[in-house]
C-alpha atoms as a PDB file:
ATOM      1  CA  MET A   1      -7.427  28.891  -2.924  1.00  0.00           C
ATOM      2  CA  HIS A   2      -7.347  25.426  -1.425  1.00  0.00           C
ATOM      3  CA  ASN A   3      -4.593  22.871  -1.814  1.00  0.00           C
ATOM      4  CA  PHE A   4      -6.241  20.187  -3.907  1.00  0.00           C
ATOM      5  CA  LEU A   5      -5.696  16.435  -3.763  1.00  0.00           C
ATOM      6  CA  ASP A   6      -5.183  14.382  -6.934  1.00  0.00           C
ATOM      7  CA  PHE A   7      -8.754  13.115  -7.044  1.00  0.00           C
ATOM      8  CA  GLU A   8     -10.065  16.685  -6.699  1.00  0.00           C
ATOM      9  CA  LYS A   9      -8.701  17.939 -10.052  1.00  0.00           C
ATOM     10  CA  PRO A  10     -12.169  18.486 -11.645  1.00  0.00           C
ATOM     11  CA  ILE A  11     -13.169  20.494  -8.557  1.00  0.00           C
ATOM     12  CA  ALA A  12      -9.925  22.482  -8.749  1.00  0.00           C
ATOM     13  CA  GLU A  13     -10.589  23.416 -12.374  1.00  0.00           C
ATOM     14  CA  LEU A  14     -14.080  24.693 -11.581  1.00  0.00           C
ATOM     15  CA  GLU A  15     -12.931  26.671  -8.553  1.00  0.00           C
ATOM     16  CA  GLY A  16     -10.128  28.138 -10.667  1.00  0.00           C
ATOM     17  CA  LYS A  17     -12.707  29.395 -13.161  1.00  0.00           C
ATOM     18  CA  ILE A  18     -14.743  30.903 -10.318  1.00  0.00           C
ATOM     19  CA  GLU A  19     -11.682  32.790  -9.068  1.00  0.00           C
ATOM     20  CA  GLU A  20     -10.983  34.100 -12.565  1.00  0.00           C
ATOM     21  CA  LEU A  21     -14.573  35.314 -12.936  1.00  0.00           C
ATOM     22  CA  ARG A  22     -14.481  37.101  -9.592  1.00  0.00           C
ATOM     23  CA  HIS A  23     -11.520  39.155 -10.805  1.00  0.00           C
ATOM     24  CA  LEU A  24     -13.194  40.184 -14.063  1.00  0.00           C
ATOM     25  CA  VAL A  25     -14.844  43.537 -14.598  1.00  0.00           C
ATOM     26  CA  ASP A  26     -18.569  43.146 -15.343  1.00  0.00           C
ATOM     27  CA  THR A  27     -18.990  44.370 -18.961  1.00  0.00           C
ATOM     28  CA  GLY A  28     -22.666  43.506 -19.172  1.00  0.00           C
ATOM     29  CA  GLU A  29     -22.105  40.819 -21.816  1.00  0.00           C
ATOM     30  CA  VAL A  30     -22.142  38.091 -19.194  1.00  0.00           C
ATOM     31  CA  ASN A  31     -23.724  38.349 -15.769  1.00  0.00           C
ATOM     32  CA  ILE A  32     -20.691  37.404 -13.676  1.00  0.00           C
ATOM     33  CA  ALA A  33     -22.647  36.894 -10.453  1.00  0.00           C
ATOM     34  CA  ASP A  34     -25.023  34.468 -12.165  1.00  0.00           C
ATOM     35  CA  GLU A  35     -22.161  32.593 -13.798  1.00  0.00           C
ATOM     36  CA  VAL A  36     -20.283  32.335 -10.478  1.00  0.00           C
ATOM     37  CA  GLY A  37     -23.454  31.034  -8.815  1.00  0.00           C
ATOM     38  CA  ARG A  38     -23.946  28.439 -11.545  1.00  0.00           C
ATOM     39  CA  LEU A  39     -20.351  27.220 -11.300  1.00  0.00           C
ATOM     40  CA  GLN A  40     -20.501  27.175  -7.489  1.00  0.00           C
ATOM     41  CA  GLY A  41     -23.550  24.933  -7.731  1.00  0.00           C
ATOM     42  CA  LYS A  42     -21.565  22.566  -9.955  1.00  0.00           C
ATOM     43  CA  VAL A  43     -18.694  22.593  -7.443  1.00  0.00           C
ATOM     44  CA  ASP A  44     -21.040  21.704  -4.592  1.00  0.00           C
ATOM     45  CA  ARG A  45     -22.608  18.866  -6.575  1.00  0.00           C
ATOM     46  CA  LEU A  46     -19.200  17.537  -7.589  1.00  0.00           C
ATOM     47  CA  LEU A  47     -17.924  17.746  -4.020  1.00  0.00           C
ATOM     48  CA  ARG A  48     -20.975  15.867  -2.785  1.00  0.00           C
ATOM     49  CA  GLN A  49     -20.559  13.156  -5.417  1.00  0.00           C
ATOM     50  CA  THR A  50     -16.812  12.832  -4.832  1.00  0.00           C
ATOM     51  CA  TYR A  51     -16.878  12.784  -1.032  1.00  0.00           C
ATOM     52  CA  SER A  52     -19.830  10.391  -0.817  1.00  0.00           C
ATOM     53  CA  LYS A  53     -17.746   7.596  -2.389  1.00  0.00           C
ATOM     54  CA  LEU A  54     -14.180   8.144  -1.200  1.00  0.00           C
ATOM     55  CA  THR A  55     -11.984   5.052  -1.164  1.00  0.00           C
ATOM     56  CA  PRO A  56     -10.036   4.232   2.021  1.00  0.00           C
ATOM     57  CA  TRP A  57      -6.854   5.521   0.351  1.00  0.00           C
ATOM     58  CA  GLN A  58      -8.543   8.783  -0.572  1.00  0.00           C
ATOM     59  CA  LYS A  59      -9.784   9.093   3.028  1.00  0.00           C
ATOM     60  CA  ALA A  60      -6.186   8.681   4.162  1.00  0.00           C
ATOM     61  CA  GLN A  61      -5.196  11.550   1.879  1.00  0.00           C
ATOM     62  CA  VAL A  62      -7.954  13.770   3.279  1.00  0.00           C
ATOM     63  CA  ALA A  63      -6.966  12.865   6.851  1.00  0.00           C
ATOM     64  CA  ARG A  64      -3.414  14.023   6.077  1.00  0.00           C
ATOM     65  CA  HIS A  65      -4.402  17.140   4.116  1.00  0.00           C
ATOM     66  CA  THR A  66      -1.912  19.955   4.700  1.00  0.00           C
ATOM     67  CA  ASP A  67      -4.723  22.427   5.450  1.00  0.00           C
ATOM     68  CA  ARG A  68      -6.616  20.150   7.823  1.00  0.00           C
ATOM     69  CA  PRO A  69      -7.073  21.667  11.306  1.00  0.00           C
ATOM     70  CA  HIS A  70      -4.731  20.287  13.946  1.00  0.00           C
ATOM     71  CA  ALA A  71      -4.973  19.957  17.724  1.00  0.00           C
ATOM     72  CA  LEU A  72      -3.929  23.533  18.485  1.00  0.00           C
ATOM     73  CA  ASP A  73      -6.535  24.809  16.024  1.00  0.00           C
ATOM     74  CA  TYR A  74      -9.280  22.919  17.864  1.00  0.00           C
ATOM     75  CA  ILE A  75      -7.923  24.037  21.216  1.00  0.00           C
ATOM     76  CA  GLY A  76      -7.882  27.664  20.071  1.00  0.00           C
ATOM     77  CA  ALA A  77     -11.466  27.431  18.838  1.00  0.00           C
ATOM     78  CA  LEU A  78     -13.037  25.343  21.616  1.00  0.00           C
ATOM     79  CA  VAL A  79     -11.050  25.777  24.832  1.00  0.00           C
ATOM     80  CA  GLU A  80     -11.570  28.948  26.825  1.00  0.00           C
ATOM     81  CA  ASP A  81      -8.801  30.261  29.105  1.00  0.00           C
ATOM     82  CA  PHE A  82      -6.424  27.570  27.871  1.00  0.00           C
ATOM     83  CA  THR A  83      -3.285  27.327  30.012  1.00  0.00           C
ATOM     84  CA  PRO A  84      -0.593  25.174  28.373  1.00  0.00           C
ATOM     85  CA  LEU A  85       1.456  22.863  30.579  1.00  0.00           C
ATOM     86  CA  ALA A  86       4.833  21.519  29.481  1.00  0.00           C
ATOM     87  CA  GLY A  87       7.439  18.910  30.327  1.00  0.00           C
ATOM     88  CA  ASP A  88       7.446  15.382  31.692  1.00  0.00           C
ATOM     89  CA  ARG A  89       9.350  16.361  34.876  1.00  0.00           C
ATOM     90  CA  ALA A  90      11.941  13.713  33.997  1.00  0.00           C
ATOM     91  CA  PHE A  91      13.740  14.510  30.754  1.00  0.00           C
ATOM     92  CA  ALA A  92      12.369  17.226  28.461  1.00  0.00           C
ATOM     93  CA  GLU A  93       9.472  18.958  26.784  1.00  0.00           C
ATOM     94  CA  ASP A  94       8.115  17.216  23.671  1.00  0.00           C
ATOM     95  CA  GLY A  95       6.405  19.454  21.119  1.00  0.00           C
ATOM     96  CA  ALA A  96       4.612  16.554  19.435  1.00  0.00           C
ATOM     97  CA  ILE A  97       2.131  16.390  22.325  1.00  0.00           C
ATOM     98  CA  VAL A  98       0.490  19.545  23.616  1.00  0.00           C
ATOM     99  CA  GLY A  99      -1.743  19.865  26.642  1.00  0.00           C
ATOM    100  CA  GLY A 100      -3.105  22.034  29.373  1.00  0.00           C
ATOM    101  CA  LEU A 101      -6.092  23.261  31.361  1.00  0.00           C
ATOM    102  CA  GLY A 102      -9.152  25.090  30.120  1.00  0.00           C
ATOM    103  CA  ARG A 103     -12.921  25.077  29.742  1.00  0.00           C
ATOM    104  CA  VAL A 104     -14.952  23.428  26.990  1.00  0.00           C
ATOM    105  CA  ARG A 105     -18.605  24.541  26.843  1.00  0.00           C
ATOM    106  CA  GLY A 106     -18.466  25.414  30.541  1.00  0.00           C
ATOM    107  CA  TYR A 107     -16.724  22.191  31.662  1.00  0.00           C
ATOM    108  CA  SER A 108     -13.279  22.520  33.245  1.00  0.00           C
ATOM    109  CA  VAL A 109     -11.081  19.941  31.504  1.00  0.00           C
ATOM    110  CA  VAL A 110      -7.555  18.838  30.780  1.00  0.00           C
ATOM    111  CA  VAL A 111      -6.940  18.776  27.018  1.00  0.00           C
ATOM    112  CA  ILE A 112      -4.145  16.724  25.444  1.00  0.00           C
ATOM    113  CA  GLY A 113      -3.431  16.418  21.727  1.00  0.00           C
ATOM    114  CA  ASN A 114      -0.966  15.411  19.050  1.00  0.00           C
ATOM    115  CA  GLU A 115       0.208  18.469  17.133  1.00  0.00           C
ATOM    116  CA  LYS A 116       1.662  18.143  13.620  1.00  0.00           C
ATOM    117  CA  GLY A 117       2.210  21.818  12.820  1.00  0.00           C
ATOM    118  CA  ALA A 118       0.877  23.942   9.956  1.00  0.00           C
ATOM    119  CA  ASP A 119       4.059  24.820   8.035  1.00  0.00           C
ATOM    120  CA  THR A 120       7.570  23.462   7.640  1.00  0.00           C
ATOM    121  CA  ASP A 121       9.046  25.207  10.687  1.00  0.00           C
ATOM    122  CA  GLU A 122       6.127  24.165  12.894  1.00  0.00           C
ATOM    123  CA  ARG A 123       6.218  20.588  11.626  1.00  0.00           C
ATOM    124  CA  VAL A 124       9.889  20.306  12.506  1.00  0.00           C
ATOM    125  CA  ALA A 125       9.278  21.870  15.935  1.00  0.00           C
ATOM    126  CA  HIS A 126       6.422  19.417  16.610  1.00  0.00           C
ATOM    127  CA  ASN A 127       8.284  16.489  15.011  1.00  0.00           C
ATOM    128  CA  PHE A 128       5.378  15.975  12.577  1.00  0.00           C
ATOM    129  CA  GLY A 129       3.177  14.836  15.454  1.00  0.00           C
ATOM    130  CA  MET A 130       5.385  11.850  16.312  1.00  0.00           C
ATOM    131  CA  ALA A 131       5.968  11.843  20.050  1.00  0.00           C
ATOM    132  CA  ARG A 132       9.042  10.637  21.889  1.00  0.00           C
ATOM    133  CA  PRO A 133       8.816   8.960  25.330  1.00  0.00           C
ATOM    134  CA  GLU A 134       8.858  12.316  27.125  1.00  0.00           C
ATOM    135  CA  GLY A 135       5.704  13.275  25.215  1.00  0.00           C
ATOM    136  CA  TYR A 136       3.814  10.239  26.491  1.00  0.00           C
ATOM    137  CA  ARG A 137       5.184  10.794  29.998  1.00  0.00           C
ATOM    138  CA  LYS A 138       3.924  14.376  29.832  1.00  0.00           C
ATOM    139  CA  ALA A 139       0.506  13.027  28.814  1.00  0.00           C
ATOM    140  CA  GLN A 140       0.576  10.645  31.781  1.00  0.00           C
ATOM    141  CA  ARG A 141       1.461  13.511  34.104  1.00  0.00           C
ATOM    142  CA  LEU A 142      -1.423  15.620  32.859  1.00  0.00           C
ATOM    143  CA  MET A 143      -3.891  12.732  33.052  1.00  0.00           C
ATOM    144  CA  ARG A 144      -2.828  11.963  36.628  1.00  0.00           C
ATOM    145  CA  MET A 145      -3.236  15.634  37.506  1.00  0.00           C
ATOM    146  CA  ALA A 146      -6.727  15.613  35.991  1.00  0.00           C
ATOM    147  CA  ASP A 147      -7.600  12.525  38.010  1.00  0.00           C
ATOM    148  CA  ARG A 148      -6.333  14.143  41.202  1.00  0.00           C
ATOM    149  CA  PHE A 149      -8.511  17.220  40.721  1.00  0.00           C
ATOM    150  CA  GLY A 150     -11.544  15.454  39.288  1.00  0.00           C
ATOM    151  CA  LEU A 151     -11.277  17.013  35.818  1.00  0.00           C
ATOM    152  CA  PRO A 152     -12.452  15.230  32.649  1.00  0.00           C
ATOM    153  CA  VAL A 153      -9.780  14.567  30.027  1.00  0.00           C
ATOM    154  CA  VAL A 154     -10.281  15.324  26.322  1.00  0.00           C
ATOM    155  CA  THR A 155      -7.686  14.045  23.857  1.00  0.00           C
ATOM    156  CA  LEU A 156      -7.313  15.093  20.209  1.00  0.00           C
ATOM    157  CA  VAL A 157      -5.489  12.378  18.307  1.00  0.00           C
ATOM    158  CA  ASP A 158      -3.603  13.136  15.085  1.00  0.00           C
ATOM    159  CA  THR A 159      -0.358  11.252  14.621  1.00  0.00           C
ATOM    160  CA  PRO A 160       1.195   8.916  12.046  1.00  0.00           C
ATOM    161  CA  GLY A 161       2.597   7.012  15.059  1.00  0.00           C
ATOM    162  CA  ALA A 162       5.143   7.275  17.818  1.00  0.00           C
ATOM    163  CA  TYR A 163       8.611   8.471  16.793  1.00  0.00           C
ATOM    164  CA  PRO A 164      10.701   5.389  15.837  1.00  0.00           C
ATOM    165  CA  GLY A 165      14.161   6.940  16.247  1.00  0.00           C
ATOM    166  CA  ILE A 166      17.074   5.384  18.118  1.00  0.00           C
ATOM    167  CA  ASP A 167      16.991   8.106  20.782  1.00  0.00           C
ATOM    168  CA  ALA A 168      13.322   7.393  21.491  1.00  0.00           C
ATOM    169  CA  GLU A 169      13.962   3.665  21.762  1.00  0.00           C
ATOM    170  CA  ALA A 170      16.906   4.325  24.083  1.00  0.00           C
ATOM    171  CA  ARG A 171      14.654   6.291  26.436  1.00  0.00           C
ATOM    172  CA  GLY A 172      11.993   3.590  26.597  1.00  0.00           C
ATOM    173  CA  GLN A 173       9.446   4.351  23.875  1.00  0.00           C
ATOM    174  CA  ALA A 174       7.516   1.082  24.221  1.00  0.00           C
ATOM    175  CA  GLU A 175       7.349   1.375  28.007  1.00  0.00           C
ATOM    176  CA  ALA A 176       6.168   4.982  27.788  1.00  0.00           C
ATOM    177  CA  ILE A 177       3.354   4.059  25.396  1.00  0.00           C
ATOM    178  CA  ALA A 178       2.311   1.106  27.552  1.00  0.00           C
ATOM    179  CA  ARG A 179       2.283   3.284  30.689  1.00  0.00           C
ATOM    180  CA  SER A 180       0.211   5.896  28.887  1.00  0.00           C
ATOM    181  CA  ILE A 181      -2.390   3.275  27.935  1.00  0.00           C
ATOM    182  CA  GLU A 182      -2.333   1.991  31.509  1.00  0.00           C
ATOM    183  CA  THR A 183      -2.911   5.524  32.789  1.00  0.00           C
ATOM    184  CA  CYS A 184      -5.870   5.993  30.426  1.00  0.00           C
ATOM    185  CA  LEU A 185      -7.450   2.789  31.724  1.00  0.00           C
ATOM    186  CA  ASP A 186      -6.824   3.721  35.356  1.00  0.00           C
ATOM    187  CA  LEU A 187      -8.503   7.150  35.417  1.00  0.00           C
ATOM    188  CA  ARG A 188     -11.590   7.741  37.550  1.00  0.00           C
ATOM    189  CA  VAL A 189     -12.676  10.765  35.504  1.00  0.00           C
ATOM    190  CA  PRO A 190     -14.358  10.877  32.067  1.00  0.00           C
ATOM    191  CA  LEU A 191     -11.933  10.350  29.203  1.00  0.00           C
ATOM    192  CA  ILE A 192     -13.059  11.394  25.709  1.00  0.00           C
ATOM    193  CA  SER A 193     -10.935  10.938  22.597  1.00  0.00           C
ATOM    194  CA  VAL A 194     -11.490  12.383  19.137  1.00  0.00           C
ATOM    195  CA  ILE A 195      -9.456  11.161  16.152  1.00  0.00           C
ATOM    196  CA  ILE A 196      -9.213  14.419  14.206  1.00  0.00           C
ATOM    197  CA  GLY A 197      -6.828  13.254  11.465  1.00  0.00           C
ATOM    198  CA  GLU A 198      -4.561  10.223  11.610  1.00  0.00           C
ATOM    199  CA  GLY A 199      -4.729   7.684  14.403  1.00  0.00           C
ATOM    200  CA  GLY A 200      -1.523   5.738  13.917  1.00  0.00           C
ATOM    201  CA  SER A 201      -0.738   2.572  15.886  1.00  0.00           C
ATOM    202  CA  GLY A 202       0.264   2.599  19.565  1.00  0.00           C
ATOM    203  CA  GLY A 203       1.176   6.252  19.272  1.00  0.00           C
ATOM    204  CA  ALA A 204      -2.532   6.982  18.901  1.00  0.00           C
ATOM    205  CA  ILE A 205      -4.060   4.486  21.319  1.00  0.00           C
ATOM    206  CA  ALA A 206      -1.724   5.822  24.017  1.00  0.00           C
ATOM    207  CA  LEU A 207      -4.119   8.782  24.151  1.00  0.00           C
ATOM    208  CA  ALA A 208      -7.267   7.027  22.970  1.00  0.00           C
ATOM    209  CA  ALA A 209      -8.049   4.221  25.449  1.00  0.00           C
ATOM    210  CA  ALA A 210     -11.104   6.259  26.385  1.00  0.00           C
ATOM    211  CA  ASN A 211     -14.681   5.936  27.606  1.00  0.00           C
ATOM    212  CA  THR A 212     -15.870   7.530  24.383  1.00  0.00           C
ATOM    213  CA  VAL A 213     -13.816   7.350  21.191  1.00  0.00           C
ATOM    214  CA  MET A 214     -15.056   9.362  18.221  1.00  0.00           C
ATOM    215  CA  MET A 215     -13.657   9.966  14.760  1.00  0.00           C
ATOM    216  CA  LEU A 216     -14.148  12.753  12.304  1.00  0.00           C
ATOM    217  CA  GLU A 217     -15.879  11.505   9.168  1.00  0.00           C
ATOM    218  CA  HIS A 218     -12.732  11.457   7.016  1.00  0.00           C
ATOM    219  CA  ALA A 219     -10.185  10.568   9.706  1.00  0.00           C
ATOM    220  CA  ILE A 220      -8.328   7.240   9.753  1.00  0.00           C
ATOM    221  CA  TYR A 221      -7.334   4.953  12.641  1.00  0.00           C
ATOM    222  CA  SER A 222      -5.140   1.910  12.164  1.00  0.00           C
ATOM    223  CA  VAL A 223      -2.491  -0.336  13.641  1.00  0.00           C
ATOM    224  CA  ILE A 224      -0.102   0.704  10.844  1.00  0.00           C
ATOM    225  CA  SER A 225      -0.026   3.184   7.985  1.00  0.00           C
ATOM    226  CA  PRO A 226      -1.037   1.923   4.518  1.00  0.00           C
ATOM    227  CA  GLU A 227       2.518   2.582   3.296  1.00  0.00           C
ATOM    228  CA  GLY A 228       4.030   0.654   6.215  1.00  0.00           C
ATOM    229  CA  CYS A 229       1.660  -2.255   5.701  1.00  0.00           C
ATOM    230  CA  ALA A 230       2.440  -2.351   1.973  1.00  0.00           C
ATOM    231  CA  SER A 231       6.190  -2.337   2.569  1.00  0.00           C
ATOM    232  CA  ILE A 232       5.899  -5.292   4.973  1.00  0.00           C
ATOM    233  CA  LEU A 233       3.375  -7.461   3.112  1.00  0.00           C
ATOM    234  CA  TRP A 234       4.278  -6.703  -0.506  1.00  0.00           C
ATOM    235  CA  ARG A 235       7.667  -5.005  -0.121  1.00  0.00           C
ATOM    236  CA  ASP A 236       6.219  -2.397  -2.438  1.00  0.00           C
ATOM    237  CA  GLY A 237       5.044   1.066  -1.343  1.00  0.00           C
ATOM    238  CA  ASP A 238       2.910   1.317  -4.481  1.00  0.00           C
ATOM    239  CA  GLN A 239       0.530  -1.191  -2.870  1.00  0.00           C
ATOM    240  CA  ALA A 240      -0.553   1.396  -0.262  1.00  0.00           C
ATOM    241  CA  GLN A 241      -4.013   1.695  -1.811  1.00  0.00           C
ATOM    242  CA  THR A 242      -4.537  -2.065  -1.554  1.00  0.00           C
ATOM    243  CA  ALA A 243      -3.296  -1.996   2.039  1.00  0.00           C
ATOM    244  CA  ALA A 244      -5.690   0.838   2.906  1.00  0.00           C
ATOM    245  CA  GLU A 245      -8.604  -1.269   1.681  1.00  0.00           C
ATOM    246  CA  ALA A 246      -7.493  -4.263   3.757  1.00  0.00           C
ATOM    247  CA  LEU A 247      -6.783  -2.353   6.966  1.00  0.00           C
ATOM    248  CA  LYS A 248     -10.406  -1.194   7.516  1.00  0.00           C
ATOM    249  CA  LEU A 249      -9.067   2.140   8.738  1.00  0.00           C
ATOM    250  CA  THR A 250     -11.994   4.439   7.925  1.00  0.00           C
ATOM    251  CA  ALA A 251     -14.400   5.786  10.526  1.00  0.00           C
ATOM    252  CA  GLN A 252     -17.255   3.972   8.810  1.00  0.00           C
ATOM    253  CA  ASP A 253     -15.468   0.600   8.960  1.00  0.00           C
ATOM    254  CA  LEU A 254     -14.416   1.086  12.569  1.00  0.00           C
ATOM    255  CA  GLU A 255     -17.908   2.039  13.697  1.00  0.00           C
ATOM    256  CA  LYS A 256     -19.227  -1.188  12.174  1.00  0.00           C
ATOM    257  CA  LEU A 257     -16.497  -3.115  13.999  1.00  0.00           C
ATOM    258  CA  GLU A 258     -17.442  -1.268  17.237  1.00  0.00           C
ATOM    259  CA  VAL A 259     -13.878  -0.044  17.697  1.00  0.00           C
ATOM    260  CA  ILE A 260     -15.171   3.530  17.955  1.00  0.00           C
ATOM    261  CA  ASP A 261     -18.337   4.917  19.515  1.00  0.00           C
ATOM    262  CA  GLY A 262     -19.366   7.507  16.954  1.00  0.00           C
ATOM    263  CA  ILE A 263     -18.586   9.508  13.833  1.00  0.00           C
ATOM    264  CA  ILE A 264     -18.541  13.316  13.734  1.00  0.00           C
ATOM    265  CA  ALA A 265     -19.748  14.679  10.393  1.00  0.00           C
ATOM    266  CA  GLU A 266     -17.369  16.963   8.516  1.00  0.00           C
ATOM    267  CA  PRO A 267     -18.268  19.933   6.302  1.00  0.00           C
ATOM    268  CA  LEU A 268     -18.713  19.098   2.630  1.00  0.00           C
ATOM    269  CA  GLY A 269     -15.242  18.574   1.175  1.00  0.00           C
ATOM    270  CA  GLY A 270     -13.533  17.925   4.510  1.00  0.00           C
ATOM    271  CA  ALA A 271     -12.758  19.780   7.733  1.00  0.00           C
ATOM    272  CA  HIS A 272     -10.176  21.975   5.984  1.00  0.00           C
ATOM    273  CA  ARG A 273     -12.813  23.636   3.779  1.00  0.00           C
ATOM    274  CA  LYS A 274     -14.975  25.047   6.569  1.00  0.00           C
ATOM    275  CA  ARG A 275     -12.924  24.973   9.729  1.00  0.00           C
ATOM    276  CA  ASP A 276     -15.462  26.769  11.914  1.00  0.00           C
ATOM    277  CA  ASP A 277     -18.109  24.171  11.053  1.00  0.00           C
ATOM    278  CA  ALA A 278     -15.674  21.383  11.935  1.00  0.00           C
ATOM    279  CA  PHE A 279     -14.811  23.052  15.253  1.00  0.00           C
ATOM    280  CA  ALA A 280     -18.505  23.433  16.109  1.00  0.00           C
ATOM    281  CA  ALA A 281     -19.246  19.785  15.271  1.00  0.00           C
ATOM    282  CA  VAL A 282     -16.390  18.525  17.457  1.00  0.00           C
ATOM    283  CA  GLY A 283     -17.417  20.880  20.275  1.00  0.00           C
ATOM    284  CA  ASP A 284     -21.011  19.589  20.142  1.00  0.00           C
ATOM    285  CA  ALA A 285     -19.862  15.958  20.203  1.00  0.00           C
ATOM    286  CA  VAL A 286     -17.456  16.513  23.113  1.00  0.00           C
ATOM    287  CA  GLU A 287     -20.088  18.418  25.085  1.00  0.00           C
ATOM    288  CA  GLU A 288     -22.616  15.625  24.563  1.00  0.00           C
ATOM    289  CA  ALA A 289     -20.103  13.038  25.777  1.00  0.00           C
ATOM    290  CA  LEU A 290     -19.180  15.162  28.811  1.00  0.00           C
ATOM    291  CA  VAL A 291     -22.842  15.470  29.794  1.00  0.00           C
ATOM    292  CA  GLU A 292     -23.366  11.716  29.462  1.00  0.00           C
ATOM    293  CA  LEU A 293     -20.204  10.602  31.261  1.00  0.00           C
ATOM    294  CA  SER A 294     -20.452  13.138  34.090  1.00  0.00           C
ATOM    295  CA  ALA A 295     -23.442  11.203  35.404  1.00  0.00           C
ATOM    296  CA  PHE A 296     -21.247   8.230  36.362  1.00  0.00           C
ATOM    297  CA  GLU A 297     -19.161   7.720  39.498  1.00  0.00           C
ATOM    298  CA  GLY A 298     -15.398   7.340  39.081  1.00  0.00           C
ATOM    299  CA  GLY A 299     -15.236   3.634  39.775  1.00  0.00           C
ATOM    300  CA  VAL A 300     -17.960   2.957  37.226  1.00  0.00           C
ATOM    301  CA  LEU A 301     -16.182   5.033  34.592  1.00  0.00           C
ATOM    302  CA  ARG A 302     -12.968   3.106  35.118  1.00  0.00           C
ATOM    303  CA  MET A 303     -14.695  -0.295  35.105  1.00  0.00           C
ATOM    304  CA  ARG A 304     -16.683   0.465  31.941  1.00  0.00           C
ATOM    305  CA  ARG A 305     -13.581   1.741  30.159  1.00  0.00           C
ATOM    306  CA  ARG A 306     -11.582  -1.359  31.061  1.00  0.00           C
ATOM    307  CA  ASP A 307     -14.414  -3.737  30.181  1.00  0.00           C
ATOM    308  CA  LYS A 308     -14.818  -2.028  26.815  1.00  0.00           C
ATOM    309  CA  PHE A 309     -11.208  -2.662  25.779  1.00  0.00           C
ATOM    310  CA  VAL A 310     -11.090  -6.161  27.235  1.00  0.00           C
ATOM    311  CA  GLU A 311     -14.137  -7.010  25.111  1.00  0.00           C
ATOM    312  CA  LEU A 312     -12.423  -5.558  22.026  1.00  0.00           C
ATOM    313  CA  GLY A 313      -9.503  -7.857  22.745  1.00  0.00           C
ATOM    314  CA  ARG A 314     -11.818 -10.857  23.034  1.00  0.00           C
ATOM    315  CA  GLN A 315     -13.415 -10.002  19.691  1.00  0.00           C
ATOM    316  CA  GLY A 316      -9.997  -9.726  18.103  1.00  0.00           C
ATOM    317  CA  LEU A 317      -8.977 -13.175  19.360  1.00  0.00           C
ATOM    318  CA  GLY A 318     -12.291 -14.668  18.247  1.00  0.00           C
END
C-alpha cells in the first residue's frame, strides 16, 4: 500500500477496496477479477483527474512524498559501476551530499546528489538532505576532478535548503555555497542538473548552475520554502498554500519563466508510484542532454553556461 497524501483520500479508499477484494476467496457470486479491474479503472481515472490539476501546494507535497525516490535510488538504477567518493579533504564527510564515478548509458560521468534518506535512521544520517559546508566543498572537489579528467557532471537535486545551524555558519556556509556555484560556472565539461524532488534556495543552486537544468513534473524549485515564505511575509505558517501560489515554484511555472530547460514527465500519480518508469524517464533525459552537450568544446560550454545565468539575472532585474 502507498502512503497517501491528504488530497488523495478518494484514491486511497478505492485502492483499499481493491486490496480487500484481492484477499477474498472467489465464491462465484461476484467475479472478483472483473470487480478489481473495474475499480482499478476508476483509480486510474481519478489519478489522472487529480494529478492534471494539482495546485502548487499539492505539488510541494508530492515533491516531498516519503516514498519518492531519492538520489541514491536514481544512482542505483541508472549508474553502472558506481564508485562513491567521500570527504572534502578539509574537515569531514557530509552525508547530505553523495557523489562518485560511474557510467550512465555508456557515458563515464561524475554524479553528485542531495540525499534525504528513506527512513528515520537514514534521514538523520543524511541530515534530511541539508548539507553543511563540507558537503558543498566535497561537491566542488568532485566537480574539479571531473573537469580535470574531462568527465561530464550529473547532479540530482533534492534538498529543502542548506543546513542553517550555528556549526555550519561557523564553518563558512555562505562561502561554501558561493564557491560551489562558482565551480559550476567554471567547468569546461557538460554539467546537467535534474531537480528530482525539492530544489530549495542556494542549497539547490549550488549544484544546479548547469548547462541543462531539468525538473521532474511534480518537483519544486524555489528561493525559499512555502512555509518559510509564509512565516516571513504573514508571520503565519498556515499561509503556506498562498505562498506556494505566489512563489511560482512548479516545473510548469519555471519552464514558462525560462529558469529551467525542460520537464521530465512522471508516471501517473507521481514518481513514487512507478519508480522504474521514473528512473527510465530521467535516464532518457540525461542521455539526451549528454549527447547534445558532448558536441561542444569546453570553452563554449563554459561561456554558454555563464551567459545563461547572467541573462537570468538581467531578466530578474528587469
